[in-house]
N, C-alpha and C. Protein backbone atom coordinates (compact mmCIF):
# COMPACT_ATOMS: atom_id res chain seq x y z
N MET A 1 17.96 177.41 147.67
CA MET A 1 18.35 176.01 147.53
C MET A 1 19.06 175.55 148.78
N ALA A 2 18.63 174.43 149.33
CA ALA A 2 19.28 173.90 150.52
C ALA A 2 20.59 173.25 150.14
N SER A 3 21.58 173.40 150.99
CA SER A 3 22.86 172.77 150.75
C SER A 3 22.74 171.27 150.99
N SER A 4 23.77 170.53 150.55
CA SER A 4 23.77 169.08 150.73
C SER A 4 23.71 168.73 152.21
N ASP A 5 24.47 169.44 153.04
CA ASP A 5 24.46 169.16 154.48
C ASP A 5 23.08 169.41 155.09
N GLN A 6 22.41 170.48 154.64
CA GLN A 6 21.07 170.78 155.16
C GLN A 6 20.08 169.68 154.78
N ARG A 7 20.18 169.16 153.54
CA ARG A 7 19.29 168.10 153.10
C ARG A 7 19.50 166.84 153.93
N ILE A 8 20.77 166.50 154.16
CA ILE A 8 21.08 165.31 154.95
C ILE A 8 20.59 165.48 156.38
N ASN A 9 20.80 166.67 156.95
CA ASN A 9 20.34 166.93 158.31
C ASN A 9 18.82 166.86 158.41
N HIS A 10 18.13 167.39 157.38
CA HIS A 10 16.68 167.34 157.36
C HIS A 10 16.19 165.91 157.28
N PHE A 11 16.87 165.10 156.44
CA PHE A 11 16.51 163.70 156.30
C PHE A 11 16.75 162.94 157.61
N ALA A 12 17.88 163.19 158.26
CA ALA A 12 18.19 162.52 159.53
C ALA A 12 17.16 162.91 160.60
N ALA A 13 16.76 164.18 160.60
CA ALA A 13 15.76 164.64 161.57
C ALA A 13 14.42 163.96 161.31
N PHE A 14 14.11 163.77 160.04
CA PHE A 14 12.86 163.08 159.70
C PHE A 14 12.86 161.66 160.26
N PHE A 15 13.94 160.92 160.01
CA PHE A 15 14.01 159.55 160.51
C PHE A 15 13.84 159.51 162.02
N LYS A 16 14.49 160.44 162.71
CA LYS A 16 14.41 160.45 164.17
C LYS A 16 12.99 160.76 164.63
N LYS A 17 12.34 161.69 163.96
CA LYS A 17 11.00 162.12 164.37
C LYS A 17 9.93 161.10 164.04
N TYR A 18 9.91 160.60 162.80
CA TYR A 18 8.80 159.77 162.35
C TYR A 18 9.03 158.28 162.49
N MET A 19 10.23 157.84 162.36
CA MET A 19 10.48 156.39 162.38
C MET A 19 11.45 155.97 163.48
N SER A 20 11.81 156.88 164.35
CA SER A 20 12.78 156.60 165.41
C SER A 20 14.05 155.96 164.84
N SER A 21 14.43 156.43 163.68
CA SER A 21 15.63 155.95 163.00
C SER A 21 15.60 154.44 162.76
N ALA A 22 14.41 153.89 162.55
CA ALA A 22 14.25 152.45 162.40
C ALA A 22 15.14 151.83 161.31
N PRO A 23 15.25 152.42 160.10
CA PRO A 23 16.12 151.79 159.11
C PRO A 23 17.58 151.71 159.55
N VAL A 24 18.08 152.80 160.14
CA VAL A 24 19.48 152.82 160.57
C VAL A 24 19.68 151.85 161.72
N ILE A 25 18.73 151.83 162.65
CA ILE A 25 18.82 150.89 163.79
C ILE A 25 18.78 149.46 163.28
N THR A 26 17.88 149.18 162.35
CA THR A 26 17.79 147.83 161.79
C THR A 26 19.08 147.45 161.08
N ALA A 27 19.67 148.39 160.37
CA ALA A 27 20.93 148.12 159.67
C ALA A 27 22.05 147.79 160.65
N ALA A 28 22.00 148.37 161.84
CA ALA A 28 23.05 148.12 162.84
C ALA A 28 22.76 146.90 163.71
N LEU A 29 21.55 146.33 163.62
CA LEU A 29 21.15 145.23 164.49
C LEU A 29 22.03 143.98 164.44
N PRO A 30 22.57 143.60 163.28
CA PRO A 30 23.37 142.37 163.28
C PRO A 30 24.51 142.37 164.29
N ILE A 31 25.07 143.54 164.58
CA ILE A 31 26.22 143.60 165.49
C ILE A 31 25.82 143.20 166.92
N PRO A 32 24.86 143.89 167.56
CA PRO A 32 24.51 143.48 168.92
C PRO A 32 23.81 142.13 168.99
N ILE A 33 23.02 141.79 167.98
CA ILE A 33 22.30 140.52 168.00
C ILE A 33 23.26 139.35 167.96
N THR A 34 24.26 139.43 167.09
CA THR A 34 25.23 138.35 167.00
C THR A 34 26.13 138.33 168.23
N ALA A 35 26.52 139.51 168.72
CA ALA A 35 27.37 139.58 169.91
C ALA A 35 26.68 138.99 171.14
N ALA A 36 25.37 139.16 171.23
CA ALA A 36 24.62 138.64 172.38
C ALA A 36 24.15 137.20 172.16
N ASP A 37 24.52 136.61 171.04
CA ASP A 37 24.11 135.23 170.71
C ASP A 37 22.60 135.06 170.68
N LEU A 38 21.88 136.10 170.27
CA LEU A 38 20.42 136.00 170.17
C LEU A 38 20.00 135.15 168.98
N ILE A 39 20.82 135.16 167.94
CA ILE A 39 20.61 134.27 166.80
C ILE A 39 21.81 133.34 166.77
N PRO A 40 21.59 132.04 166.96
CA PRO A 40 22.73 131.12 166.99
C PRO A 40 23.44 131.07 165.64
N THR A 41 24.75 131.11 165.68
CA THR A 41 25.57 131.00 164.47
C THR A 41 26.79 130.16 164.78
N TYR A 42 27.37 129.59 163.75
CA TYR A 42 28.65 128.91 163.93
C TYR A 42 29.68 129.95 164.30
N ALA A 43 30.51 129.66 165.29
CA ALA A 43 31.48 130.63 165.80
C ALA A 43 32.40 131.15 164.69
N GLU A 44 32.81 130.26 163.79
CA GLU A 44 33.73 130.69 162.74
C GLU A 44 33.06 131.58 161.70
N GLN A 45 31.72 131.63 161.70
CA GLN A 45 30.99 132.48 160.75
C GLN A 45 30.51 133.79 161.37
N SER A 46 30.47 133.87 162.67
CA SER A 46 29.84 135.01 163.34
C SER A 46 30.40 136.35 162.90
N THR A 47 31.73 136.46 162.85
CA THR A 47 32.35 137.75 162.53
C THR A 47 32.00 138.22 161.13
N PHE A 48 32.17 137.35 160.14
CA PHE A 48 31.93 137.82 158.77
C PHE A 48 30.44 137.95 158.48
N LEU A 49 29.58 137.12 159.12
CA LEU A 49 28.14 137.30 158.93
C LEU A 49 27.69 138.65 159.45
N THR A 50 28.20 139.04 160.61
CA THR A 50 27.85 140.33 161.19
C THR A 50 28.31 141.47 160.29
N ALA A 51 29.54 141.37 159.81
CA ALA A 51 30.10 142.43 158.95
C ALA A 51 29.32 142.53 157.64
N TYR A 52 29.06 141.40 156.99
CA TYR A 52 28.35 141.41 155.72
C TYR A 52 26.92 141.92 155.88
N ALA A 53 26.24 141.45 156.93
CA ALA A 53 24.84 141.86 157.14
C ALA A 53 24.75 143.36 157.37
N SER A 54 25.61 143.90 158.23
CA SER A 54 25.57 145.35 158.50
C SER A 54 25.91 146.15 157.25
N LEU A 55 26.93 145.71 156.52
CA LEU A 55 27.32 146.40 155.29
C LEU A 55 26.16 146.43 154.29
N LEU A 56 25.54 145.29 154.05
CA LEU A 56 24.45 145.23 153.09
C LEU A 56 23.24 146.04 153.56
N CYS A 57 22.98 146.04 154.86
CA CYS A 57 21.85 146.82 155.38
C CYS A 57 22.08 148.31 155.21
N PHE A 58 23.28 148.78 155.53
CA PHE A 58 23.56 150.21 155.36
C PHE A 58 23.54 150.59 153.88
N LEU A 59 24.01 149.71 153.01
CA LEU A 59 23.93 149.98 151.57
C LEU A 59 22.47 150.04 151.11
N THR A 60 21.62 149.21 151.69
CA THR A 60 20.18 149.22 151.36
C THR A 60 19.55 150.55 151.74
N VAL A 61 19.84 151.02 152.97
CA VAL A 61 19.32 152.32 153.42
C VAL A 61 19.81 153.42 152.48
N ALA A 62 21.11 153.39 152.16
CA ALA A 62 21.69 154.43 151.30
C ALA A 62 21.06 154.41 149.90
N PHE A 63 20.84 153.21 149.36
CA PHE A 63 20.29 153.12 148.00
C PHE A 63 18.85 153.63 147.96
N VAL A 64 18.05 153.26 148.96
CA VAL A 64 16.66 153.74 148.98
C VAL A 64 16.63 155.26 149.10
N PHE A 65 17.50 155.81 149.94
CA PHE A 65 17.56 157.27 150.05
C PHE A 65 18.02 157.90 148.74
N TYR A 66 18.97 157.26 148.07
CA TYR A 66 19.47 157.73 146.78
C TYR A 66 18.34 157.78 145.74
N ARG A 67 17.41 156.84 145.81
CA ARG A 67 16.30 156.78 144.86
C ARG A 67 15.05 157.53 145.35
N ARG A 68 15.20 158.35 146.37
CA ARG A 68 14.05 159.03 146.97
C ARG A 68 13.31 159.92 145.98
N HIS A 69 14.01 160.51 145.01
CA HIS A 69 13.35 161.40 144.05
C HIS A 69 12.40 160.60 143.15
N ARG A 70 12.83 159.41 142.73
CA ARG A 70 11.95 158.56 141.92
C ARG A 70 10.74 158.14 142.75
N ILE A 71 10.98 157.79 144.00
CA ILE A 71 9.87 157.44 144.89
C ILE A 71 8.91 158.62 145.02
N GLY A 72 9.46 159.82 145.10
CA GLY A 72 8.64 161.02 145.21
C GLY A 72 7.75 161.24 144.00
N THR A 73 8.22 160.86 142.80
CA THR A 73 7.40 161.07 141.60
C THR A 73 6.13 160.22 141.64
N TYR A 74 6.17 159.10 142.33
CA TYR A 74 4.97 158.27 142.42
C TYR A 74 3.94 158.86 143.37
N LEU A 75 4.33 159.86 144.14
CA LEU A 75 3.41 160.49 145.08
C LEU A 75 2.73 161.73 144.51
N LEU A 76 3.20 162.23 143.38
CA LEU A 76 2.64 163.46 142.80
C LEU A 76 1.28 163.21 142.16
N PRO A 77 0.22 163.82 142.69
CA PRO A 77 -1.12 163.58 142.15
C PRO A 77 -1.24 163.91 140.67
N ALA A 78 -0.48 164.89 140.18
CA ALA A 78 -0.59 165.29 138.77
C ALA A 78 -0.19 164.17 137.81
N THR A 79 0.61 163.22 138.28
CA THR A 79 1.10 162.15 137.39
C THR A 79 0.38 160.83 137.59
N TRP A 80 -0.62 160.79 138.46
CA TRP A 80 -1.21 159.51 138.84
C TRP A 80 -2.03 158.85 137.74
N GLY A 81 -2.42 159.59 136.71
CA GLY A 81 -3.19 158.99 135.64
C GLY A 81 -2.35 158.12 134.72
N LYS A 82 -1.03 158.29 134.74
CA LYS A 82 -0.16 157.52 133.86
C LYS A 82 -0.04 156.09 134.37
N ARG A 83 -0.08 155.14 133.43
CA ARG A 83 -0.02 153.72 133.80
C ARG A 83 1.26 153.40 134.58
N SER A 84 2.39 153.96 134.17
CA SER A 84 3.65 153.66 134.86
C SER A 84 3.61 154.15 136.31
N ARG A 85 2.93 155.28 136.54
CA ARG A 85 2.82 155.81 137.89
C ARG A 85 1.87 154.97 138.74
N ILE A 86 0.82 154.46 138.12
CA ILE A 86 -0.11 153.59 138.84
C ILE A 86 0.62 152.33 139.30
N THR A 87 1.40 151.74 138.40
CA THR A 87 2.17 150.54 138.75
C THR A 87 3.20 150.87 139.83
N GLY A 88 3.87 152.01 139.69
CA GLY A 88 4.86 152.41 140.68
C GLY A 88 4.26 152.63 142.06
N ARG A 89 3.09 153.28 142.10
CA ARG A 89 2.42 153.50 143.39
C ARG A 89 2.00 152.18 144.02
N PHE A 90 1.52 151.27 143.19
CA PHE A 90 1.11 149.95 143.69
C PHE A 90 2.31 149.22 144.30
N LEU A 91 3.42 149.21 143.58
CA LEU A 91 4.62 148.55 144.09
C LEU A 91 5.13 149.22 145.36
N LEU A 92 5.14 150.54 145.36
CA LEU A 92 5.61 151.29 146.53
C LEU A 92 4.76 150.97 147.76
N SER A 93 3.48 150.69 147.53
CA SER A 93 2.59 150.38 148.64
C SER A 93 2.78 148.97 149.18
N TRP A 94 3.12 148.02 148.30
CA TRP A 94 3.13 146.62 148.71
C TRP A 94 4.50 145.98 148.84
N VAL A 95 5.54 146.57 148.28
CA VAL A 95 6.88 145.97 148.42
C VAL A 95 7.32 145.88 149.88
N PRO A 96 7.05 146.88 150.74
CA PRO A 96 7.43 146.70 152.15
C PRO A 96 6.78 145.47 152.79
N PHE A 97 5.52 145.22 152.48
CA PHE A 97 4.85 144.04 153.02
C PHE A 97 5.52 142.76 152.51
N LEU A 98 5.84 142.74 151.21
CA LEU A 98 6.52 141.57 150.65
C LEU A 98 7.89 141.36 151.29
N CYS A 99 8.55 142.47 151.64
CA CYS A 99 9.84 142.37 152.33
C CYS A 99 9.66 141.79 153.74
N MET A 100 8.57 142.13 154.39
CA MET A 100 8.29 141.55 155.71
C MET A 100 8.08 140.04 155.61
N VAL A 101 7.32 139.63 154.58
CA VAL A 101 7.09 138.20 154.35
C VAL A 101 8.42 137.51 154.07
N ALA A 102 9.27 138.15 153.25
CA ALA A 102 10.57 137.58 152.93
C ALA A 102 11.46 137.48 154.17
N THR A 103 11.35 138.45 155.09
CA THR A 103 12.11 138.41 156.34
C THR A 103 11.72 137.18 157.16
N VAL A 104 10.41 136.95 157.29
CA VAL A 104 9.94 135.78 158.05
C VAL A 104 10.39 134.49 157.36
N ALA A 105 10.31 134.46 156.03
CA ALA A 105 10.75 133.26 155.30
C ALA A 105 12.24 133.00 155.53
N CYS A 106 13.04 134.07 155.56
CA CYS A 106 14.48 133.91 155.81
C CYS A 106 14.74 133.43 157.24
N LEU A 107 13.96 133.94 158.20
CA LEU A 107 14.11 133.48 159.59
C LEU A 107 13.85 131.99 159.70
N VAL A 108 12.74 131.54 159.11
CA VAL A 108 12.38 130.12 159.16
C VAL A 108 13.43 129.28 158.44
N THR A 109 13.85 129.74 157.27
CA THR A 109 14.86 129.00 156.49
C THR A 109 16.17 128.90 157.25
N TYR A 110 16.59 130.00 157.87
CA TYR A 110 17.87 129.99 158.59
C TYR A 110 17.84 128.99 159.74
N HIS A 111 16.82 129.05 160.57
CA HIS A 111 16.77 128.16 161.74
C HIS A 111 16.58 126.70 161.33
N THR A 112 15.78 126.47 160.30
CA THR A 112 15.60 125.10 159.80
C THR A 112 16.92 124.55 159.26
N THR A 113 17.61 125.36 158.47
CA THR A 113 18.89 124.93 157.88
C THR A 113 19.95 124.74 158.96
N LEU A 114 19.99 125.63 159.93
CA LEU A 114 20.95 125.50 161.02
C LEU A 114 20.72 124.21 161.79
N ASN A 115 19.47 123.92 162.13
CA ASN A 115 19.17 122.68 162.84
C ASN A 115 19.54 121.45 162.03
N LEU A 116 19.24 121.50 160.73
CA LEU A 116 19.61 120.38 159.85
C LEU A 116 21.12 120.21 159.81
N SER A 117 21.84 121.32 159.68
CA SER A 117 23.30 121.24 159.59
C SER A 117 23.92 120.65 160.85
N LEU A 118 23.32 120.97 162.01
CA LEU A 118 23.85 120.45 163.27
C LEU A 118 23.70 118.93 163.36
N THR A 119 22.61 118.41 162.81
CA THR A 119 22.40 116.96 162.85
C THR A 119 23.36 116.21 161.94
N LEU A 120 23.94 116.91 160.96
CA LEU A 120 24.85 116.26 160.01
C LEU A 120 26.31 116.25 160.46
N LEU A 121 26.59 116.96 161.56
CA LEU A 121 27.97 117.01 162.05
C LEU A 121 28.34 115.69 162.73
N PRO A 122 29.63 115.31 162.67
CA PRO A 122 30.08 114.02 163.22
C PRO A 122 29.74 113.80 164.69
N ASP A 123 29.87 114.83 165.53
CA ASP A 123 29.64 114.67 166.97
C ASP A 123 28.23 115.07 167.40
N ALA A 124 27.28 115.10 166.46
CA ALA A 124 25.95 115.62 166.75
C ALA A 124 25.24 114.87 167.87
N GLU A 125 25.48 113.58 167.99
CA GLU A 125 24.77 112.79 168.99
C GLU A 125 25.30 113.02 170.40
N PHE A 126 26.56 113.44 170.52
CA PHE A 126 27.20 113.48 171.83
C PHE A 126 27.42 114.89 172.37
N ALA A 127 27.39 115.90 171.51
CA ALA A 127 27.71 117.27 171.95
C ALA A 127 26.44 118.12 171.98
N SER A 128 26.48 119.16 172.84
CA SER A 128 25.35 120.10 172.92
C SER A 128 25.39 121.04 171.72
N THR A 129 24.28 121.71 171.50
CA THR A 129 24.20 122.66 170.38
C THR A 129 25.25 123.76 170.51
N SER A 130 25.40 124.32 171.71
CA SER A 130 26.37 125.40 171.91
C SER A 130 27.80 124.92 171.66
N THR A 131 28.09 123.68 172.03
CA THR A 131 29.43 123.13 171.79
C THR A 131 29.66 122.94 170.30
N LEU A 132 28.65 122.41 169.61
CA LEU A 132 28.78 122.22 168.16
C LEU A 132 28.99 123.55 167.45
N LEU A 133 28.20 124.56 167.82
CA LEU A 133 28.34 125.87 167.18
C LEU A 133 29.70 126.50 167.46
N ALA A 134 30.23 126.26 168.65
CA ALA A 134 31.51 126.87 169.02
C ALA A 134 32.69 126.17 168.36
N ASN A 135 32.58 124.87 168.14
CA ASN A 135 33.75 124.11 167.71
C ASN A 135 33.68 123.53 166.31
N ALA A 136 32.49 123.45 165.74
CA ALA A 136 32.35 122.80 164.43
C ALA A 136 32.99 123.63 163.32
N THR A 137 33.46 122.93 162.32
CA THR A 137 34.00 123.57 161.12
C THR A 137 32.91 123.54 160.06
N VAL A 138 32.55 124.70 159.59
CA VAL A 138 31.46 124.80 158.61
C VAL A 138 31.84 124.11 157.30
N ARG A 139 33.13 123.97 157.04
CA ARG A 139 33.58 123.30 155.81
C ARG A 139 33.14 121.84 155.76
N GLU A 140 32.71 121.31 156.91
CA GLU A 140 32.19 119.94 156.94
C GLU A 140 30.81 119.86 156.28
N LEU A 141 30.16 121.00 156.11
CA LEU A 141 28.82 121.03 155.51
C LEU A 141 28.92 121.15 154.00
N SER A 142 27.85 120.75 153.32
CA SER A 142 27.81 120.89 151.86
C SER A 142 27.73 122.37 151.49
N TRP A 143 28.11 122.67 150.25
CA TRP A 143 28.03 124.05 149.76
C TRP A 143 26.59 124.56 149.79
N GLU A 144 25.66 123.65 149.47
CA GLU A 144 24.25 124.04 149.47
C GLU A 144 23.81 124.53 150.85
N LEU A 145 24.17 123.77 151.90
CA LEU A 145 23.80 124.19 153.25
C LEU A 145 24.49 125.49 153.65
N GLN A 146 25.76 125.61 153.28
CA GLN A 146 26.49 126.84 153.61
C GLN A 146 25.85 128.05 152.95
N LEU A 147 25.46 127.92 151.68
CA LEU A 147 24.82 129.04 150.97
C LEU A 147 23.44 129.36 151.54
N ARG A 148 22.68 128.33 151.91
CA ARG A 148 21.37 128.57 152.52
C ARG A 148 21.51 129.29 153.86
N LEU A 149 22.52 128.90 154.65
CA LEU A 149 22.76 129.59 155.92
C LEU A 149 23.14 131.04 155.68
N LEU A 150 24.07 131.27 154.77
CA LEU A 150 24.53 132.63 154.47
C LEU A 150 23.41 133.49 153.91
N GLY A 151 22.71 132.97 152.89
CA GLY A 151 21.65 133.74 152.24
C GLY A 151 20.49 134.08 153.16
N SER A 152 20.06 133.10 153.96
CA SER A 152 18.92 133.35 154.84
C SER A 152 19.30 134.27 156.00
N TYR A 153 20.54 134.15 156.50
CA TYR A 153 20.98 135.05 157.57
C TYR A 153 21.02 136.49 157.07
N LEU A 154 21.66 136.69 155.92
CA LEU A 154 21.74 138.05 155.36
C LEU A 154 20.35 138.55 154.97
N GLY A 155 19.54 137.67 154.41
CA GLY A 155 18.21 138.07 153.94
C GLY A 155 17.32 138.60 155.04
N MET A 156 17.37 137.98 156.23
CA MET A 156 16.47 138.43 157.29
C MET A 156 16.75 139.87 157.71
N PHE A 157 18.01 140.29 157.64
CA PHE A 157 18.34 141.67 157.98
C PHE A 157 18.14 142.62 156.81
N VAL A 158 18.52 142.20 155.61
CA VAL A 158 18.42 143.09 154.45
C VAL A 158 16.95 143.36 154.10
N PHE A 159 16.11 142.34 154.10
CA PHE A 159 14.70 142.54 153.77
C PHE A 159 14.00 143.42 154.81
N SER A 160 14.32 143.22 156.09
CA SER A 160 13.68 144.07 157.11
C SER A 160 14.15 145.51 156.98
N THR A 161 15.42 145.71 156.67
CA THR A 161 15.94 147.07 156.47
C THR A 161 15.30 147.72 155.25
N LEU A 162 15.13 146.95 154.18
CA LEU A 162 14.50 147.48 152.97
C LEU A 162 13.06 147.90 153.25
N ALA A 163 12.32 147.10 154.01
CA ALA A 163 10.94 147.45 154.35
C ALA A 163 10.89 148.76 155.13
N PHE A 164 11.71 148.87 156.19
CA PHE A 164 11.75 150.11 156.97
C PHE A 164 12.15 151.30 156.11
N SER A 165 13.15 151.12 155.28
CA SER A 165 13.68 152.23 154.46
C SER A 165 12.64 152.73 153.47
N LEU A 166 11.96 151.82 152.78
CA LEU A 166 10.95 152.24 151.81
C LEU A 166 9.80 152.98 152.47
N MET A 167 9.35 152.48 153.61
CA MET A 167 8.25 153.16 154.31
C MET A 167 8.68 154.54 154.81
N ALA A 168 9.91 154.62 155.33
CA ALA A 168 10.39 155.89 155.86
C ALA A 168 10.61 156.92 154.75
N VAL A 169 11.21 156.50 153.64
CA VAL A 169 11.48 157.44 152.55
C VAL A 169 10.17 157.90 151.90
N ARG A 170 9.20 157.01 151.83
CA ARG A 170 7.90 157.42 151.29
C ARG A 170 7.29 158.52 152.16
N GLU A 171 7.33 158.34 153.47
CA GLU A 171 6.83 159.36 154.39
C GLU A 171 7.64 160.65 154.29
N TYR A 172 8.94 160.49 154.15
CA TYR A 172 9.83 161.65 154.02
C TYR A 172 9.48 162.46 152.78
N MET A 173 9.32 161.77 151.64
CA MET A 173 9.01 162.48 150.40
C MET A 173 7.61 163.10 150.44
N GLN A 174 6.69 162.44 151.12
CA GLN A 174 5.35 163.02 151.28
C GLN A 174 5.44 164.34 152.04
N THR A 175 6.29 164.37 153.08
CA THR A 175 6.48 165.60 153.86
C THR A 175 7.16 166.67 153.02
N VAL A 176 8.20 166.29 152.28
CA VAL A 176 8.94 167.25 151.45
C VAL A 176 8.03 167.85 150.39
N LEU A 177 7.16 167.04 149.80
CA LEU A 177 6.25 167.51 148.75
C LEU A 177 5.03 168.24 149.31
N GLY A 178 4.89 168.25 150.62
CA GLY A 178 3.76 168.95 151.24
C GLY A 178 2.43 168.26 151.01
N LEU A 179 2.45 166.93 150.88
CA LEU A 179 1.23 166.18 150.64
C LEU A 179 0.70 165.63 151.96
N SER A 180 -0.55 165.92 152.23
CA SER A 180 -1.18 165.37 153.43
C SER A 180 -1.77 164.00 153.08
N ASP A 181 -2.15 163.25 154.10
CA ASP A 181 -2.83 161.99 153.85
C ASP A 181 -4.15 162.24 153.12
N HIS A 182 -4.77 163.36 153.43
CA HIS A 182 -6.01 163.76 152.75
C HIS A 182 -5.77 163.89 151.25
N ASP A 183 -4.66 164.55 150.88
CA ASP A 183 -4.33 164.70 149.45
C ASP A 183 -4.13 163.35 148.79
N LEU A 184 -3.40 162.47 149.46
CA LEU A 184 -3.08 161.17 148.87
C LEU A 184 -4.32 160.32 148.66
N VAL A 185 -5.31 160.49 149.50
CA VAL A 185 -6.54 159.71 149.36
C VAL A 185 -7.47 160.36 148.33
N LEU A 186 -7.76 161.66 148.47
CA LEU A 186 -8.77 162.30 147.63
C LEU A 186 -8.27 162.67 146.24
N LYS A 187 -6.95 162.73 146.04
CA LYS A 187 -6.43 163.02 144.71
C LYS A 187 -5.80 161.79 144.08
N SER A 188 -6.32 160.63 144.43
CA SER A 188 -5.73 159.38 143.98
C SER A 188 -5.96 159.08 142.52
N GLY A 189 -6.89 159.81 141.88
CA GLY A 189 -7.21 159.52 140.48
C GLY A 189 -8.34 158.53 140.32
N ASP A 190 -8.80 157.97 141.41
CA ASP A 190 -9.93 157.05 141.39
C ASP A 190 -11.21 157.88 141.28
N PRO A 191 -12.01 157.72 140.22
CA PRO A 191 -13.22 158.55 140.05
C PRO A 191 -14.18 158.45 141.23
N ALA A 192 -14.33 157.25 141.80
CA ALA A 192 -15.25 157.08 142.93
C ALA A 192 -14.79 157.89 144.15
N VAL A 193 -13.49 157.89 144.38
CA VAL A 193 -12.94 158.64 145.51
C VAL A 193 -13.09 160.13 145.28
N GLU A 194 -12.86 160.58 144.03
CA GLU A 194 -12.95 162.00 143.74
C GLU A 194 -14.38 162.51 143.90
N LYS A 195 -15.39 161.68 143.62
CA LYS A 195 -16.78 162.08 143.84
C LYS A 195 -17.07 162.30 145.31
N VAL A 196 -16.50 161.43 146.14
CA VAL A 196 -16.68 161.56 147.58
C VAL A 196 -16.03 162.84 148.08
N GLY A 197 -14.88 163.20 147.47
CA GLY A 197 -14.16 164.40 147.90
C GLY A 197 -14.83 165.68 147.49
N ASP A 198 -15.71 165.63 146.49
CA ASP A 198 -16.35 166.87 146.00
C ASP A 198 -17.43 167.37 146.95
């Protein structure tokens, strides 16, 4: 039996080898991105947006890793005939893509909402965007706009982290279970595929 430290080290090595630590890197992205002003934010929100986004992203990575055993059960060919496993495998295959779509939707929503909020500020006609972002008080905006800004900003990082994490853990569990891509295709439970494999 591998110790807890050995399992964690094996998992960390997997991320480095197969995914270049993409989930962890994505979880840490809010810090340098906000610091470099790559995504415009109101100055008074920058600090807590960065902290919340990173916290939620690391929690997302941790939760997906915590659920890795359940994810692994969807990869076992012996259980693929069960309806619950078929549904689980389908979701496991497509949820990362849906997370990517949600990331793009959050990006568009954030920038659209930010631009709208800037036009509603009192000095919008006379000040530059950078001046407004540096000096404006977000409390001047409606709660709806504030929540849309917060939700879409956090969403773009959390959804992208979730997509990376699910794909990485699926690959990790496939390696741990000793399943090749050949096994996953030819033992899928699909009668047509199994005839081809014979």
